[in-house]
Amino acid sequence: MKFMLAQTSVIEPEQIECDEKFLQTHTKTIERYEQLPAEETAFGYTGRVLVSKEIEITRAFVEINSLEELLAFVAKYGLIVLSENEIEIYDDYRE
C-alpha cells in the first residue's frame, strides 16, 4: 500500500530522511475569489471573480505492503503517526 510520507521536523518532502521514500509530482487546481480592480469593472459591477490556477505539488511516499514491513519501518525510524493514508515520522515535538 502506498502511504503519503511526512516528517515532523521538516516541511519540504525532499528533506525527509527516509531511504525508502519516493517523490511524485502532480497537478492540483486551486480556486479562489479575487476582487476585481476598479479599471476592470463593467457596468458598475465591482464584485469578485473566481480565479483558477494549476500548481505543481511534490509529495513523498513510501510503499508498505505488510505488517512486517511496517514493523521494520518503525524499528528503523522510531515513533510514527499512522493515519488512513499517511505515515508521519515523529522525530520532533508538535502540538
C-alpha atoms as a PDB file:
ATOM      1  CA  MET A   1       0.000   0.000   0.000  1.00  0.00           C
ATOM      2  CA  LYS A   2       1.253   3.466  -0.837  1.00  0.00           C
ATOM      3  CA  PHE A   3       1.332   5.949   2.050  1.00  0.00           C
ATOM      4  CA  MET A   4       1.995   9.676   1.877  1.00  0.00           C
ATOM      5  CA  LEU A   5       5.092  10.325   3.997  1.00  0.00           C
ATOM      6  CA  ALA A   6       5.773  13.234   6.334  1.00  0.00           C
ATOM      7  CA  GLN A   7       8.397  14.018   8.941  1.00  0.00           C
ATOM      8  CA  THR A   8       7.619  16.220  11.927  1.00  0.00           C
ATOM      9  CA  SER A   9      10.924  18.117  11.838  1.00  0.00           C
ATOM     10  CA  VAL A  10      10.856  19.084   8.138  1.00  0.00           C
ATOM     11  CA  ILE A  11       8.449  20.799   5.764  1.00  0.00           C
ATOM     12  CA  GLU A  12       9.787  20.028   2.293  1.00  0.00           C
ATOM     13  CA  PRO A  13       9.297  16.443   1.048  1.00  0.00           C
ATOM     14  CA  GLU A  14      12.795  16.428  -0.457  1.00  0.00           C
ATOM     15  CA  GLN A  15      14.245  16.895   3.051  1.00  0.00           C
ATOM     16  CA  ILE A  16      12.548  13.847   4.595  1.00  0.00           C
ATOM     17  CA  GLU A  17      15.197  11.474   5.892  1.00  0.00           C
ATOM     18  CA  CYS A  18      13.921   8.100   4.725  1.00  0.00           C
ATOM     19  CA  ASP A  19      15.753   5.666   2.460  1.00  0.00           C
ATOM     20  CA  GLU A  20      12.506   4.075   1.237  1.00  0.00           C
ATOM     21  CA  LYS A  21      10.784   7.292   0.128  1.00  0.00           C
ATOM     22  CA  PHE A  22       9.994   8.207  -3.452  1.00  0.00           C
ATOM     23  CA  LEU A  23       8.740  11.550  -4.746  1.00  0.00           C
ATOM     24  CA  GLN A  24       5.782  12.106  -7.029  1.00  0.00           C
ATOM     25  CA  THR A  25       4.594  15.341  -8.584  1.00  0.00           C
ATOM     26  CA  HIS A  26       1.000  16.003  -9.543  1.00  0.00           C
ATOM     27  CA  THR A  27      -1.008  18.980 -10.700  1.00  0.00           C
ATOM     28  CA  LYS A  28      -3.648  20.459  -8.447  1.00  0.00           C
ATOM     29  CA  THR A  29      -6.178  23.123  -9.364  1.00  0.00           C
ATOM     30  CA  ILE A  30      -6.820  25.736  -6.714  1.00  0.00           C
ATOM     31  CA  GLU A  31      -9.646  28.237  -6.897  1.00  0.00           C
ATOM     32  CA  ARG A  32     -10.152  31.446  -5.026  1.00  0.00           C
ATOM     33  CA  TYR A  33     -12.161  34.636  -5.300  1.00  0.00           C
ATOM     34  CA  GLU A  34     -10.356  37.864  -6.115  1.00  0.00           C
ATOM     35  CA  GLN A  35     -11.630  41.422  -6.034  1.00  0.00           C
ATOM     36  CA  LEU A  36     -11.848  42.982  -9.480  1.00  0.00           C
ATOM     37  CA  PRO A  37      -9.726  46.127  -9.905  1.00  0.00           C
ATOM     38  CA  ALA A  38     -11.767  49.278 -10.481  1.00  0.00           C
ATOM     39  CA  GLU A  39     -10.471  49.665 -14.058  1.00  0.00           C
ATOM     40  CA  GLU A  40     -11.701  46.150 -14.990  1.00  0.00           C
ATOM     41  CA  THR A  41     -15.257  46.516 -13.766  1.00  0.00           C
ATOM     42  CA  ALA A  42     -18.072  46.577 -16.251  1.00  0.00           C
ATOM     43  CA  PHE A  43     -21.402  48.323 -15.951  1.00  0.00           C
ATOM     44  CA  GLY A  44     -20.592  49.464 -12.428  1.00  0.00           C
ATOM     45  CA  TYR A  45     -20.087  45.917 -11.115  1.00  0.00           C
ATOM     46  CA  THR A  46     -17.282  45.886  -8.534  1.00  0.00           C
ATOM     47  CA  GLY A  47     -17.631  42.357  -7.228  1.00  0.00           C
ATOM     48  CA  ARG A  48     -15.342  39.416  -7.047  1.00  0.00           C
ATOM     49  CA  VAL A  49     -14.394  36.858  -9.667  1.00  0.00           C
ATOM     50  CA  LEU A  50     -13.448  33.193  -9.304  1.00  0.00           C
ATOM     51  CA  VAL A  51      -9.857  32.560 -10.408  1.00  0.00           C
ATOM     52  CA  SER A  52      -8.488  29.068 -11.105  1.00  0.00           C
ATOM     53  CA  LYS A  53      -4.798  28.260 -11.076  1.00  0.00           C
ATOM     54  CA  GLU A  54      -2.958  24.990 -11.614  1.00  0.00           C
ATOM     55  CA  ILE A  55       0.042  24.322  -9.382  1.00  0.00           C
ATOM     56  CA  GLU A  56       2.597  21.511  -9.224  1.00  0.00           C
ATOM     57  CA  ILE A  57       2.810  19.712  -5.888  1.00  0.00           C
ATOM     58  CA  THR A  58       5.575  17.277  -4.970  1.00  0.00           C
ATOM     59  CA  ARG A  59       4.904  14.788  -2.191  1.00  0.00           C
ATOM     60  CA  ALA A  60       6.905  11.982  -0.632  1.00  0.00           C
ATOM     61  CA  PHE A  61       5.520   8.455  -0.488  1.00  0.00           C
ATOM     62  CA  VAL A  62       6.552   5.106   0.917  1.00  0.00           C
ATOM     63  CA  GLU A  63       5.347   1.644  -0.111  1.00  0.00           C
ATOM     64  CA  ILE A  64       4.481  -0.699   2.781  1.00  0.00           C
ATOM     65  CA  ASN A  65       2.659  -3.922   1.945  1.00  0.00           C
ATOM     66  CA  SER A  66       2.628  -5.945   5.148  1.00  0.00           C
ATOM     67  CA  LEU A  67       2.600  -5.652   8.899  1.00  0.00           C
ATOM     68  CA  GLU A  68       6.161  -6.978   8.942  1.00  0.00           C
ATOM     69  CA  GLU A  69       7.298  -4.153   6.637  1.00  0.00           C
ATOM     70  CA  LEU A  70       5.513  -1.627   8.868  1.00  0.00           C
ATOM     71  CA  LEU A  71       7.213  -3.010  11.988  1.00  0.00           C
ATOM     72  CA  ALA A  72      10.605  -2.916  10.229  1.00  0.00           C
ATOM     73  CA  PHE A  73       9.921   0.718   9.271  1.00  0.00           C
ATOM     74  CA  VAL A  74       9.113   1.564  12.916  1.00  0.00           C
ATOM     75  CA  ALA A  75      12.236  -0.266  14.114  1.00  0.00           C
ATOM     76  CA  LYS A  76      14.356   1.771  11.699  1.00  0.00           C
ATOM     77  CA  TYR A  77      12.819   5.252  12.155  1.00  0.00           C
ATOM     78  CA  GLY A  78      11.287   5.148  15.646  1.00  0.00           C
ATOM     79  CA  LEU A  79       7.917   6.596  16.541  1.00  0.00           C
ATOM     80  CA  ILE A  80       5.409   7.113  13.748  1.00  0.00           C
ATOM     81  CA  VAL A  81       1.928   8.551  13.479  1.00  0.00           C
ATOM     82  CA  LEU A  82      -0.206   6.350  11.241  1.00  0.00           C
ATOM     83  CA  SER A  83      -3.441   7.501   9.644  1.00  0.00           C
ATOM     84  CA  GLU A  84      -5.569   6.084   6.848  1.00  0.00           C
ATOM     85  CA  ASN A  85      -3.222   7.084   4.021  1.00  0.00           C
ATOM     86  CA  GLU A  86      -0.277   8.837   5.703  1.00  0.00           C
ATOM     87  CA  ILE A  87       2.717   7.920   7.818  1.00  0.00           C
ATOM     88  CA  GLU A  88       4.493  10.640   9.764  1.00  0.00           C
ATOM     89  CA  ILE A  89       7.953  10.008  11.179  1.00  0.00           C
ATOM     90  CA  TYR A  90       7.515  11.604  14.606  1.00  0.00           C
ATOM     91  CA  ASP A  91      11.025  12.878  15.326  1.00  0.00           C
ATOM     92  CA  ASP A  92      10.261  16.249  16.917  1.00  0.00           C
ATOM     93  CA  TYR A  93       7.662  17.912  19.126  1.00  0.00           C
ATOM     94  CA  ARG A  94       4.499  19.361  17.636  1.00  0.00           C
ATOM     95  CA  GLU A  95       1.177  20.460  19.087  1.00  0.00           C
END
